[in-house]
Amino acid sequence: MEIILALGIGVFAGSGVWLLLRPRTFQVIIGLSLLSYAVNLFIFGMGRLRVGAPPVLQPGIAGDPAQFADPLPQALVLTAIVISFATTALFLVVLLASRGLTGTDHVDGQEREP
């Protein structure tokens, strides 16, 4: 399972970097989104995903923290998802405004042949 997670992170990160280097603004926005997905998967993977483990200690009972799920990576990823969604929405609004003013979505403002 770890190799699948590592390959997924690598594919998302590699595709995100490749799209960041493209001249069109929309591709840059999609590249940033893919990079944020890669970072979220990385944080999730570092949190040692456990299936069937209780998320928190029960009050009054001394427990071994190694037997419980760590809620911190889950909270970090949830916060990162919300922030990346808001950032992507802001970038798309700026993209639409820029395209309306200049008539193109190229970074240098010049239209190219496909």
PDB file of N, CA and C in Angstrom:
ATOM      1  N   MET A   1       0.820  -1.199   0.000  1.00  0.00           N
ATOM      2  CA  MET A   1       0.000   0.000   0.000  1.00  0.00           C
ATOM      3  C   MET A   1       0.860   1.258   0.000  1.00  0.00           C
ATOM      4  N   GLU A   2       2.030   1.174   0.663  1.00  0.00           N
ATOM      5  CA  GLU A   2       2.904   2.339   0.733  1.00  0.00           C
ATOM      6  C   GLU A   2       3.440   2.730  -0.639  1.00  0.00           C
ATOM      7  N   ILE A   3       3.710   1.721  -1.482  1.00  0.00           N
ATOM      8  CA  ILE A   3       4.238   2.025  -2.812  1.00  0.00           C
ATOM      9  C   ILE A   3       3.183   2.718  -3.667  1.00  0.00           C
ATOM     10  N   ILE A   4       1.924   2.341  -3.501  1.00  0.00           N
ATOM     11  CA  ILE A   4       0.847   2.996  -4.254  1.00  0.00           C
ATOM     12  C   ILE A   4       0.697   4.441  -3.818  1.00  0.00           C
ATOM     13  N   LEU A   5       0.769   4.682  -2.500  1.00  0.00           N
ATOM     14  CA  LEU A   5       0.682   6.046  -1.982  1.00  0.00           C
ATOM     15  C   LEU A   5       1.866   6.883  -2.462  1.00  0.00           C
ATOM     16  N   ALA A   6       3.075   6.305  -2.431  1.00  0.00           N
ATOM     17  CA  ALA A   6       4.260   7.024  -2.889  1.00  0.00           C
ATOM     18  C   ALA A   6       4.173   7.342  -4.384  1.00  0.00           C
ATOM     19  N   LEU A   7       3.691   6.386  -5.176  1.00  0.00           N
ATOM     20  CA  LEU A   7       3.536   6.635  -6.612  1.00  0.00           C
ATOM     21  C   LEU A   7       2.478   7.708  -6.877  1.00  0.00           C
ATOM     22  N   GLY A   8       1.390   7.677  -6.124  1.00  0.00           N
ATOM     23  CA  GLY A   8       0.359   8.710  -6.276  1.00  0.00           C
ATOM     24  C   GLY A   8       0.888  10.094  -5.947  1.00  0.00           C
ATOM     25  N   ILE A   9       1.651  10.188  -4.866  1.00  0.00           N
ATOM     26  CA  ILE A   9       2.242  11.478  -4.497  1.00  0.00           C
ATOM     27  C   ILE A   9       3.208  11.935  -5.581  1.00  0.00           C
ATOM     28  N   GLY A  10       4.008  11.020  -6.097  1.00  0.00           N
ATOM     29  CA  GLY A  10       4.968  11.373  -7.142  1.00  0.00           C
ATOM     30  C   GLY A  10       4.298  11.821  -8.427  1.00  0.00           C
ATOM     31  N   VAL A  11       3.220  11.144  -8.809  1.00  0.00           N
ATOM     32  CA  VAL A  11       2.501  11.514 -10.038  1.00  0.00           C
ATOM     33  C   VAL A  11       1.855  12.887  -9.876  1.00  0.00           C
ATOM     34  N   PHE A  12       1.196  13.113  -8.737  1.00  0.00           N
ATOM     35  CA  PHE A  12       0.581  14.424  -8.504  1.00  0.00           C
ATOM     36  C   PHE A  12       1.628  15.528  -8.477  1.00  0.00           C
ATOM     37  N   ALA A  13       2.736  15.309  -7.778  1.00  0.00           N
ATOM     38  CA  ALA A  13       3.769  16.345  -7.681  1.00  0.00           C
ATOM     39  C   ALA A  13       4.424  16.594  -9.040  1.00  0.00           C
ATOM     40  N   GLY A  14       4.744  15.527  -9.765  1.00  0.00           N
ATOM     41  CA  GLY A  14       5.375  15.693 -11.076  1.00  0.00           C
ATOM     42  C   GLY A  14       4.456  16.389 -12.073  1.00  0.00           C
ATOM     43  N   SER A  15       3.197  15.987 -12.092  1.00  0.00           N
ATOM     44  CA  SER A  15       2.241  16.632 -12.995  1.00  0.00           C
ATOM     45  C   SER A  15       2.015  18.082 -12.606  1.00  0.00           C
ATOM     46  N   GLY A  16       1.973  18.350 -11.292  1.00  0.00           N
ATOM     47  CA  GLY A  16       1.792  19.729 -10.839  1.00  0.00           C
ATOM     48  C   GLY A  16       2.945  20.631 -11.238  1.00  0.00           C
ATOM     49  N   VAL A  17       4.166  20.143 -11.074  1.00  0.00           N
ATOM     50  CA  VAL A  17       5.337  20.944 -11.472  1.00  0.00           C
ATOM     51  C   VAL A  17       5.348  21.155 -12.971  1.00  0.00           C
ATOM     52  N   TRP A  18       5.020  20.113 -13.743  1.00  0.00           N
ATOM     53  CA  TRP A  18       4.999  20.250 -15.207  1.00  0.00           C
ATOM     54  C   TRP A  18       3.971  21.302 -15.632  1.00  0.00           C
ATOM     55  N   LEU A  19       2.785  21.268 -15.007  1.00  0.00           N
ATOM     56  CA  LEU A  19       1.762  22.251 -15.363  1.00  0.00           C
ATOM     57  C   LEU A  19       2.120  23.654 -14.884  1.00  0.00           C
ATOM     58  N   LEU A  20       2.886  23.764 -13.804  1.00  0.00           N
ATOM     59  CA  LEU A  20       3.321  25.088 -13.349  1.00  0.00           C
ATOM     60  C   LEU A  20       4.248  25.763 -14.360  1.00  0.00           C
ATOM     61  N   LEU A  21       4.946  24.970 -15.129  1.00  0.00           N
ATOM     62  CA  LEU A  21       5.895  25.518 -16.105  1.00  0.00           C
ATOM     63  C   LEU A  21       5.260  25.840 -17.452  1.00  0.00           C
ATOM     64  N   ARG A  22       3.971  25.631 -17.590  1.00  0.00           N
ATOM     65  CA  ARG A  22       3.256  25.921 -18.839  1.00  0.00           C
ATOM     66  C   ARG A  22       2.956  27.417 -18.931  1.00  0.00           C
ATOM     67  N   PRO A  23       2.783  27.954 -20.149  1.00  0.00           N
ATOM     68  CA  PRO A  23       2.588  29.399 -20.292  1.00  0.00           C
ATOM     69  C   PRO A  23       1.158  29.879 -20.036  1.00  0.00           C
ATOM     70  N   ARG A  24       0.193  28.994 -19.979  1.00  0.00           N
ATOM     71  CA  ARG A  24      -1.194  29.430 -19.792  1.00  0.00           C
ATOM     72  C   ARG A  24      -1.549  29.473 -18.312  1.00  0.00           C
ATOM     73  N   THR A  25      -2.311  30.475 -17.938  1.00  0.00           N
ATOM     74  CA  THR A  25      -2.646  30.702 -16.541  1.00  0.00           C
ATOM     75  C   THR A  25      -3.510  29.580 -15.978  1.00  0.00           C
ATOM     76  N   PHE A  26      -4.461  29.077 -16.747  1.00  0.00           N
ATOM     77  CA  PHE A  26      -5.322  28.008 -16.255  1.00  0.00           C
ATOM     78  C   PHE A  26      -4.518  26.756 -15.917  1.00  0.00           C
ATOM     79  N   GLN A  27      -3.531  26.438 -16.729  1.00  0.00           N
ATOM     80  CA  GLN A  27      -2.694  25.275 -16.453  1.00  0.00           C
ATOM     81  C   GLN A  27      -1.867  25.470 -15.187  1.00  0.00           C
ATOM     82  N   VAL A  28      -1.454  26.695 -14.920  1.00  0.00           N
ATOM     83  CA  VAL A  28      -0.726  26.992 -13.691  1.00  0.00           C
ATOM     84  C   VAL A  28      -1.626  26.771 -12.481  1.00  0.00           C
ATOM     85  N   ILE A  29      -2.882  27.186 -12.575  1.00  0.00           N
ATOM     86  CA  ILE A  29      -3.826  26.996 -11.468  1.00  0.00           C
ATOM     87  C   ILE A  29      -4.058  25.507 -11.215  1.00  0.00           C
ATOM     88  N   ILE A  30      -4.233  24.725 -12.266  1.00  0.00           N
ATOM     89  CA  ILE A  30      -4.418  23.286 -12.107  1.00  0.00           C
ATOM     90  C   ILE A  30      -3.152  22.652 -11.531  1.00  0.00           C
ATOM     91  N   GLY A  31      -1.973  23.121 -11.929  1.00  0.00           N
ATOM     92  CA  GLY A  31      -0.718  22.626 -11.371  1.00  0.00           C
ATOM     93  C   GLY A  31      -0.602  22.895  -9.882  1.00  0.00           C
ATOM     94  N   LEU A  32      -1.018  24.077  -9.445  1.00  0.00           N
ATOM     95  CA  LEU A  32      -1.009  24.383  -8.015  1.00  0.00           C
ATOM     96  C   LEU A  32      -1.965  23.469  -7.256  1.00  0.00           C
ATOM     97  N   SER A  33      -3.108  23.178  -7.855  1.00  0.00           N
ATOM     98  CA  SER A  33      -4.069  22.275  -7.214  1.00  0.00           C
ATOM     99  C   SER A  33      -3.481  20.866  -7.082  1.00  0.00           C
ATOM    100  N   LEU A  34      -2.823  20.383  -8.126  1.00  0.00           N
ATOM    101  CA  LEU A  34      -2.221  19.051  -8.060  1.00  0.00           C
ATOM    102  C   LEU A  34      -1.105  18.997  -7.020  1.00  0.00           C
ATOM    103  N   LEU A  35      -0.330  20.072  -6.903  1.00  0.00           N
ATOM    104  CA  LEU A  35       0.704  20.105  -5.876  1.00  0.00           C
ATOM    105  C   LEU A  35       0.104  20.084  -4.480  1.00  0.00           C
ATOM    106  N   SER A  36      -1.004  20.774  -4.298  1.00  0.00           N
ATOM    107  CA  SER A  36      -1.638  20.758  -2.979  1.00  0.00           C
ATOM    108  C   SER A  36      -2.191  19.373  -2.669  1.00  0.00           C
ATOM    109  N   TYR A  37      -2.704  18.654  -3.678  1.00  0.00           N
ATOM    110  CA  TYR A  37      -3.157  17.276  -3.463  1.00  0.00           C
ATOM    111  C   TYR A  37      -1.985  16.388  -3.051  1.00  0.00           C
ATOM    112  N   ALA A  38      -0.834  16.583  -3.688  1.00  0.00           N
ATOM    113  CA  ALA A  38       0.348  15.789  -3.353  1.00  0.00           C
ATOM    114  C   ALA A  38       0.788  16.043  -1.910  1.00  0.00           C
ATOM    115  N   VAL A  39       0.786  17.297  -1.499  1.00  0.00           N
ATOM    116  CA  VAL A  39       1.184  17.626  -0.130  1.00  0.00           C
ATOM    117  C   VAL A  39       0.181  17.048   0.869  1.00  0.00           C
ATOM    118  N   ASN A  40      -1.114  17.112   0.554  1.00  0.00           N
ATOM    119  CA  ASN A  40      -2.123  16.537   1.443  1.00  0.00           C
ATOM    120  C   ASN A  40      -1.933  15.029   1.594  1.00  0.00           C
ATOM    121  N   LEU A  41      -1.669  14.340   0.496  1.00  0.00           N
ATOM    122  CA  LEU A  41      -1.418  12.896   0.578  1.00  0.00           C
ATOM    123  C   LEU A  41      -0.153  12.594   1.373  1.00  0.00           C
ATOM    124  N   PHE A  42       0.857  13.441   1.221  1.00  0.00           N
ATOM    125  CA  PHE A  42       2.095  13.257   1.967  1.00  0.00           C
ATOM    126  C   PHE A  42       1.850  13.403   3.466  1.00  0.00           C
ATOM    127  N   ILE A  43       1.114  14.437   3.858  1.00  0.00           N
ATOM    128  CA  ILE A  43       0.805  14.637   5.279  1.00  0.00           C
ATOM    129  C   ILE A  43      -0.019  13.467   5.809  1.00  0.00           C
ATOM    130  N   PHE A  44      -0.984  13.009   5.022  1.00  0.00           N
ATOM    131  CA  PHE A  44      -1.792  11.860   5.424  1.00  0.00           C
ATOM    132  C   PHE A  44      -0.921  10.618   5.609  1.00  0.00           C
ATOM    133  N   GLY A  45       0.006  10.418   4.694  1.00  0.00           N
ATOM    134  CA  GLY A  45       0.892   9.260   4.785  1.00  0.00           C
ATOM    135  C   GLY A  45       1.823   9.329   5.981  1.00  0.00           C
ATOM    136  N   MET A  46       2.286  10.503   6.336  1.00  0.00           N
ATOM    137  CA  MET A  46       3.160  10.655   7.491  1.00  0.00           C
ATOM    138  C   MET A  46       2.401  10.461   8.799  1.00  0.00           C
ATOM    139  N   GLY A  47       1.083  10.579   8.761  1.00  0.00           N
ATOM    140  CA  GLY A  47       0.271  10.389   9.952  1.00  0.00           C
ATOM    141  C   GLY A  47      -0.028   8.935  10.260  1.00  0.00           C
ATOM    142  N   ARG A  48       0.590   7.994   9.552  1.00  0.00           N
ATOM    143  CA  ARG A  48       0.369   6.563   9.758  1.00  0.00           C
ATOM    144  C   ARG A  48      -1.117   6.236   9.782  1.00  0.00           C
ATOM    145  N   LEU A  49      -1.693   6.121   8.614  1.00  0.00           N
ATOM    146  CA  LEU A  49      -3.110   5.806   8.517  1.00  0.00           C
ATOM    147  C   LEU A  49      -3.403   4.484   9.209  1.00  0.00           C
ATOM    148  N   ARG A  50      -4.379   4.524  10.090  1.00  0.00           N
ATOM    149  CA  ARG A  50      -4.791   3.312  10.801  1.00  0.00           C
ATOM    150  C   ARG A  50      -6.271   3.110  10.596  1.00  0.00           C
ATOM    151  N   VAL A  51      -6.653   1.887  10.281  1.00  0.00           N
ATOM    152  CA  VAL A  51      -8.053   1.560  10.065  1.00  0.00           C
ATOM    153  C   VAL A  51      -8.586   0.880  11.324  1.00  0.00           C
ATOM    154  N   GLY A  52      -9.734   1.356  11.811  1.00  0.00           N
ATOM    155  CA  GLY A  52     -10.388   0.728  12.945  1.00  0.00           C
ATOM    156  C   GLY A  52      -9.860   1.156  14.298  1.00  0.00           C
ATOM    157  N   ALA A  53      -8.912   2.082  14.349  1.00  0.00           N
ATOM    158  CA  ALA A  53      -8.390   2.556  15.630  1.00  0.00           C
ATOM    159  C   ALA A  53      -9.242   3.717  16.120  1.00  0.00           C
ATOM    160  N   PRO A  54      -9.506   3.788  17.426  1.00  0.00           N
ATOM    161  CA  PRO A  54     -10.282   4.918  17.933  1.00  0.00           C
ATOM    162  C   PRO A  54      -9.496   6.216  17.794  1.00  0.00           C
ATOM    163  N   PRO A  55     -10.173   7.338  17.549  1.00  0.00           N
ATOM    164  CA  PRO A  55      -9.461   8.585  17.275  1.00  0.00           C
ATOM    165  C   PRO A  55      -8.899   9.272  18.512  1.00  0.00           C
ATOM    166  N   VAL A  56      -9.528   9.108  19.682  1.00  0.00           N
ATOM    167  CA  VAL A  56      -9.073   9.811  20.878  1.00  0.00           C
ATOM    168  C   VAL A  56      -9.107   8.875  22.082  1.00  0.00           C
ATOM    169  N   LEU A  57      -8.367   9.253  23.115  1.00  0.00           N
ATOM    170  CA  LEU A  57      -8.356   8.487  24.360  1.00  0.00           C
ATOM    171  C   LEU A  57      -9.676   8.665  25.094  1.00  0.00           C
ATOM    172  N   GLN A  58     -10.089   7.658  25.813  1.00  0.00           N
ATOM    173  CA  GLN A  58     -11.304   7.743  26.610  1.00  0.00           C
ATOM    174  C   GLN A  58     -10.964   8.346  27.970  1.00  0.00           C
ATOM    175  N   PRO A  59     -11.849   9.185  28.507  1.00  0.00           N
ATOM    176  CA  PRO A  59     -11.543   9.819  29.788  1.00  0.00           C
ATOM    177  C   PRO A  59     -11.508   8.798  30.929  1.00  0.00           C
ATOM    178  N   GLY A  60     -10.537   8.975  31.815  1.00  0.00           N
ATOM    179  CA  GLY A  60     -10.434   8.123  32.990  1.00  0.00           C
ATOM    180  C   GLY A  60      -9.710   6.825  32.757  1.00  0.00           C
ATOM    181  N   ILE A  61      -9.350   6.507  31.532  1.00  0.00           N
ATOM    182  CA  ILE A  61      -8.666   5.252  31.233  1.00  0.00           C
ATOM    183  C   ILE A  61      -7.288   5.576  30.680  1.00  0.00           C
ATOM    184  N   ALA A  62      -6.247   5.025  31.318  1.00  0.00           N
ATOM    185  CA  ALA A  62      -4.888   5.219  30.821  1.00  0.00           C
ATOM    186  C   ALA A  62      -4.697   4.336  29.598  1.00  0.00           C
ATOM    187  N   GLY A  63      -4.347   4.962  28.510  1.00  0.00           N
ATOM    188  CA  GLY A  63      -4.201   4.212  27.272  1.00  0.00           C
ATOM    189  C   GLY A  63      -2.838   4.410  26.649  1.00  0.00           C
ATOM    190  N   ASP A  64      -2.485   3.516  25.774  1.00  0.00           N
ATOM    191  CA  ASP A  64      -1.222   3.604  25.037  1.00  0.00           C
ATOM    192  C   ASP A  64      -1.471   4.438  23.780  1.00  0.00           C
ATOM    193  N   PRO A  65      -0.791   5.588  23.638  1.00  0.00           N
ATOM    194  CA  PRO A  65      -1.031   6.428  22.455  1.00  0.00           C
ATOM    195  C   PRO A  65      -0.704   5.747  21.129  1.00  0.00           C
ATOM    196  N   ALA A  66       0.108   4.692  21.164  1.00  0.00           N
ATOM    197  CA  ALA A  66       0.451   3.991  19.924  1.00  0.00           C
ATOM    198  C   ALA A  66      -0.733   3.203  19.378  1.00  0.00           C
ATOM    199  N   GLN A  67      -1.743   2.951  20.206  1.00  0.00           N
ATOM    200  CA  GLN A  67      -2.903   2.189  19.781  1.00  0.00           C
ATOM    201  C   GLN A  67      -4.020   3.048  19.201  1.00  0.00           C
ATOM    202  N   PHE A  68      -3.815   4.358  19.177  1.00  0.00           N
ATOM    203  CA  PHE A  68      -4.869   5.265  18.743  1.00  0.00           C
ATOM    204  C   PHE A  68      -4.452   5.998  17.476  1.00  0.00           C
ATOM    205  N   ALA A  69      -5.434   6.474  16.734  1.00  0.00           N
ATOM    206  CA  ALA A  69      -5.171   7.248  15.520  1.00  0.00           C
ATOM    207  C   ALA A  69      -4.734   8.660  15.907  1.00  0.00           C
ATOM    208  N   ASP A  70      -3.847   9.236  15.131  1.00  0.00           N
ATOM    209  CA  ASP A  70      -3.372  10.599  15.382  1.00  0.00           C
ATOM    210  C   ASP A  70      -4.299  11.583  14.667  1.00  0.00           C
ATOM    211  N   PRO A  71      -5.016  12.447  15.388  1.00  0.00           N
ATOM    212  CA  PRO A  71      -5.952  13.356  14.735  1.00  0.00           C
ATOM    213  C   PRO A  71      -5.288  14.586  14.109  1.00  0.00           C
ATOM    214  N   LEU A  72      -4.026  14.852  14.442  1.00  0.00           N
ATOM    215  CA  LEU A  72      -3.374  16.062  13.927  1.00  0.00           C
ATOM    216  C   LEU A  72      -3.223  16.068  12.407  1.00  0.00           C
ATOM    217  N   PRO A  73      -2.724  14.997  11.757  1.00  0.00           N
ATOM    218  CA  PRO A  73      -2.631  15.040  10.290  1.00  0.00           C
ATOM    219  C   PRO A  73      -3.992  15.199   9.618  1.00  0.00           C
ATOM    220  N   GLN A  74      -5.018  14.594  10.199  1.00  0.00           N
ATOM    221  CA  GLN A  74      -6.356  14.727   9.620  1.00  0.00           C
ATOM    222  C   GLN A  74      -6.839  16.162   9.710  1.00  0.00           C
ATOM    223  N   ALA A  75      -6.576  16.820  10.834  1.00  0.00           N
ATOM    224  CA  ALA A  75      -6.976  18.217  10.993  1.00  0.00           C
ATOM    225  C   ALA A  75      -6.185  19.123  10.060  1.00  0.00           C
ATOM    226  N   LEU A  76      -4.892  18.849   9.890  1.00  0.00           N
ATOM    227  CA  LEU A  76      -4.069  19.658   8.983  1.00  0.00           C
ATOM    228  C   LEU A  76      -4.534  19.520   7.537  1.00  0.00           C
ATOM    229  N   VAL A  77      -4.842  18.303   7.125  1.00  0.00           N
ATOM    230  CA  VAL A  77      -5.284  18.078   5.746  1.00  0.00           C
ATOM    231  C   VAL A  77      -6.647  18.726   5.511  1.00  0.00           C
ATOM    232  N   LEU A  78      -7.543  18.617   6.468  1.00  0.00           N
ATOM    233  CA  LEU A  78      -8.857  19.249   6.323  1.00  0.00           C
ATOM    234  C   LEU A  78      -8.724  20.763   6.186  1.00  0.00           C
ATOM    235  N   THR A  79      -7.864  21.357   7.004  1.00  0.00           N
ATOM    236  CA  THR A  79      -7.624  22.801   6.901  1.00  0.00           C
ATOM    237  C   THR A  79      -6.988  23.150   5.559  1.00  0.00           C
ATOM    238  N   ALA A  80      -6.046  22.344   5.096  1.00  0.00           N
ATOM    239  CA  ALA A  80      -5.388  22.610   3.817  1.00  0.00           C
ATOM    240  C   ALA A  80      -6.363  22.496   2.654  1.00  0.00           C
ATOM    241  N   ILE A  81      -7.306  21.570   2.725  1.00  0.00           N
ATOM    242  CA  ILE A  81      -8.304  21.429   1.659  1.00  0.00           C
ATOM    243  C   ILE A  81      -9.163  22.681   1.570  1.00  0.00           C
ATOM    244  N   VAL A  82      -9.605  23.184   2.711  1.00  0.00           N
ATOM    245  CA  VAL A  82     -10.442  24.391   2.719  1.00  0.00           C
ATOM    246  C   VAL A  82      -9.669  25.590   2.182  1.00  0.00           C
ATOM    247  N   ILE A  83      -8.429  25.753   2.615  1.00  0.00           N
ATOM    248  CA  ILE A  83      -7.628  26.899   2.168  1.00  0.00           C
ATOM    249  C   ILE A  83      -7.310  26.784   0.684  1.00  0.00           C
ATOM    250  N   SER A  84      -6.981  25.576   0.192  1.00  0.00           N
ATOM    251  CA  SER A  84      -6.659  25.434  -1.235  1.00  0.00           C
ATOM    252  C   SER A  84      -7.895  25.659  -2.101  1.00  0.00           C
ATOM    253  N   PHE A  85      -9.075  25.262  -1.617  1.00  0.00           N
ATOM    254  CA  PHE A  85     -10.296  25.526  -2.371  1.00  0.00           C
ATOM    255  C   PHE A  85     -10.538  27.029  -2.492  1.00  0.00           C
ATOM    256  N   ALA A  86     -10.381  27.765  -1.403  1.00  0.00           N
ATOM    257  CA  ALA A  86     -10.573  29.220  -1.438  1.00  0.00           C
ATOM    258  C   ALA A  86      -9.530  29.894  -2.324  1.00  0.00           C
ATOM    259  N   THR A  87      -8.288  29.435  -2.250  1.00  0.00           N
ATOM    260  CA  THR A  87      -7.228  30.012  -3.079  1.00  0.00           C
ATOM    261  C   THR A  87      -7.480  29.736  -4.558  1.00  0.00           C
ATOM    262  N   THR A  88      -7.914  28.528  -4.888  1.00  0.00           N
ATOM    263  CA  THR A  88      -8.216  28.197  -6.277  1.00  0.00           C
ATOM    264  C   THR A  88      -9.367  29.042  -6.800  1.00  0.00           C
ATOM    265  N   ALA A  89     -10.396  29.256  -5.990  1.00  0.00           N
ATOM    266  CA  ALA A  89     -11.516  30.105  -6.406  1.00  0.00           C
ATOM    267  C   ALA A  89     -11.044  31.532  -6.650  1.00  0.00           C
ATOM    268  N   LEU A  90     -10.174  32.048  -5.784  1.00  0.00           N
ATOM    269  CA  LEU A  90      -9.640  33.402  -5.975  1.00  0.00           C
ATOM    270  C   LEU A  90      -8.819  33.479  -7.262  1.00  0.00           C
ATOM    271  N   PHE A  91      -7.961  32.479  -7.505  1.00  0.00           N
ATOM    272  CA  PHE A  91      -7.157  32.469  -8.725  1.00  0.00           C
ATOM    273  C   PHE A  91      -8.033  32.424  -9.977  1.00  0.00           C
ATOM    274  N   LEU A  92      -9.108  31.656  -9.943  1.00  0.00           N
ATOM    275  CA  LEU A  92      -9.997  31.575 -11.105  1.00  0.00           C
ATOM    276  C   LEU A  92     -10.695  32.910 -11.361  1.00  0.00           C
ATOM    277  N   VAL A  93     -11.077  33.623 -10.316  1.00  0.00           N
ATOM    278  CA  VAL A  93     -11.690  34.942 -10.494  1.00  0.00           C
ATOM    279  C   VAL A  93     -10.682  35.919 -11.081  1.00  0.00           C
ATOM    280  N   VAL A  94      -9.458  35.880 -10.595  1.00  0.00           N
ATOM    281  CA  VAL A  94      -8.419  36.748 -11.149  1.00  0.00           C
ATOM    282  C   VAL A  94      -8.123  36.372 -12.595  1.00  0.00           C
ATOM    283  N   LEU A  95      -8.121  35.071 -12.913  1.00  0.00           N
ATOM    284  CA  LEU A  95      -7.910  34.621 -14.287  1.00  0.00           C
ATOM    285  C   LEU A  95      -8.998  35.155 -15.214  1.00  0.00           C
ATOM    286  N   LEU A  96     -10.253  35.047 -14.789  1.00  0.00           N
ATOM    287  CA  LEU A  96     -11.350  35.536 -15.624  1.00  0.00           C
ATOM    288  C   LEU A  96     -11.286  37.048 -15.808  1.00  0.00           C
ATOM    289  N   ALA A  97     -10.935  37.775 -14.764  1.00  0.00           N
ATOM    290  CA  ALA A  97     -10.803  39.228 -14.883  1.00  0.00           C
ATOM    291  C   ALA A  97      -9.646  39.592 -15.808  1.00  0.00           C
ATOM    292  N   SER A  98      -8.537  38.903 -15.682  1.00  0.00           N
ATOM    293  CA  SER A  98      -7.375  39.168 -16.542  1.00  0.00           C
ATOM    294  C   SER A  98      -7.679  38.832 -17.991  1.00  0.00           C
ATOM    295  N   ARG A  99      -8.380  37.725 -18.224  1.00  0.00           N
ATOM    296  CA  ARG A  99      -8.735  37.355 -19.590  1.00  0.00           C
ATOM    297  C   ARG A  99      -9.710  38.356 -20.189  1.00  0.00           C
ATOM    298  N   GLY A 100     -10.616  38.883 -19.373  1.00  0.00           N
ATOM    299  CA  GLY A 100     -11.553  39.882 -19.862  1.00  0.00           C
ATOM    300  C   GLY A 100     -10.864  41.187 -20.235  1.00  0.00           C
ATOM    301  N   LEU A 101      -9.822  41.556 -19.494  1.00  0.00           N
ATOM    302  CA  LEU A 101      -9.111  42.806 -19.768  1.00  0.00           C
ATOM    303  C   LEU A 101      -8.130  42.686 -20.931  1.00  0.00           C
ATOM    304  N   THR A 102      -7.423  41.547 -21.007  1.00  0.00           N
ATOM    305  CA  THR A 102      -6.379  41.419 -22.030  1.00  0.00           C
ATOM    306  C   THR A 102      -6.813  40.594 -23.234  1.00  0.00           C
ATOM    307  N   GLY A 103      -7.826  39.745 -23.074  1.00  0.00           N
ATOM    308  CA  GLY A 103      -8.285  38.913 -24.177  1.00  0.00           C
ATOM    309  C   GLY A 103      -7.503  37.631 -24.347  1.00  0.00           C
ATOM    310  N   THR A 104      -6.549  37.332 -23.454  1.00  0.00           N
ATOM    311  CA  THR A 104      -5.766  36.110 -23.527  1.00  0.00           C
ATOM    312  C   THR A 104      -5.441  35.640 -22.119  1.00  0.00           C
ATOM    313  N   ASP A 105      -5.061  34.382 -22.005  1.00  0.00           N
ATOM    314  CA  ASP A 105      -4.671  33.884 -20.694  1.00  0.00           C
ATOM    315  C   ASP A 105      -3.203  33.470 -20.641  1.00  0.00           C
ATOM    316  N   HIS A 106      -2.417  33.923 -21.622  1.00  0.00           N
ATOM    317  CA  HIS A 106      -0.987  33.652 -21.607  1.00  0.00           C
ATOM    318  C   HIS A 106      -0.309  34.531 -20.581  1.00  0.00           C
ATOM    319  N   VAL A 107       0.785  34.027 -20.045  1.00  0.00           N
ATOM    320  CA  VAL A 107       1.515  34.764 -19.031  1.00  0.00           C
ATOM    321  C   VAL A 107       2.134  36.026 -19.617  1.00  0.00           C
ATOM    322  N   ASP A 108       2.674  35.941 -20.826  1.00  0.00           N
ATOM    323  CA  ASP A 108       3.303  37.116 -21.420  1.00  0.00           C
ATOM    324  C   ASP A 108       2.329  37.976 -22.219  1.00  0.00           C
ATOM    325  N   GLY A 109       1.078  37.559 -22.339  1.00  0.00           N
ATOM    326  CA  GLY A 109       0.064  38.368 -22.999  1.00  0.00           C
ATOM    327  C   GLY A 109       0.003  38.225 -24.499  1.00  0.00           C
ATOM    328  N   GLN A 110       0.850  37.386 -25.101  1.00  0.00           N
ATOM    329  CA  GLN A 110       0.853  37.201 -26.546  1.00  0.00           C
ATOM    330  C   GLN A 110       0.243  35.856 -26.890  1.00  0.00           C
ATOM    331  N   GLU A 111      -0.645  35.849 -27.861  1.00  0.00           N
ATOM    332  CA  GLU A 111      -1.296  34.611 -28.289  1.00  0.00           C
ATOM    333  C   GLU A 111      -0.311  33.797 -29.129  1.00  0.00           C
ATOM    334  N   ARG A 112      -0.272  32.478 -28.903  1.00  0.00           N
ATOM    335  CA  ARG A 112       0.623  31.596 -29.649  1.00  0.00           C
ATOM    336  C   ARG A 112      -0.190  30.614 -30.470  1.00  0.00           C
ATOM    337  N   GLU A 113       0.460  30.069 -31.461  1.00  0.00           N
ATOM    338  CA  GLU A 113      -0.137  28.994 -32.264  1.00  0.00           C
ATOM    339  C   GLU A 113      -0.131  27.722 -31.434  1.00  0.00           C
ATOM    340  N   PRO A 114      -1.176  26.892 -31.483  1.00  0.00           N
ATOM    341  CA  PRO A 114      -1.189  25.640 -30.699  1.00  0.00           C
ATOM    342  C   PRO A 114      -0.229  24.610 -31.231  1.00  0.00           C
TER     343      PRO A 114
END
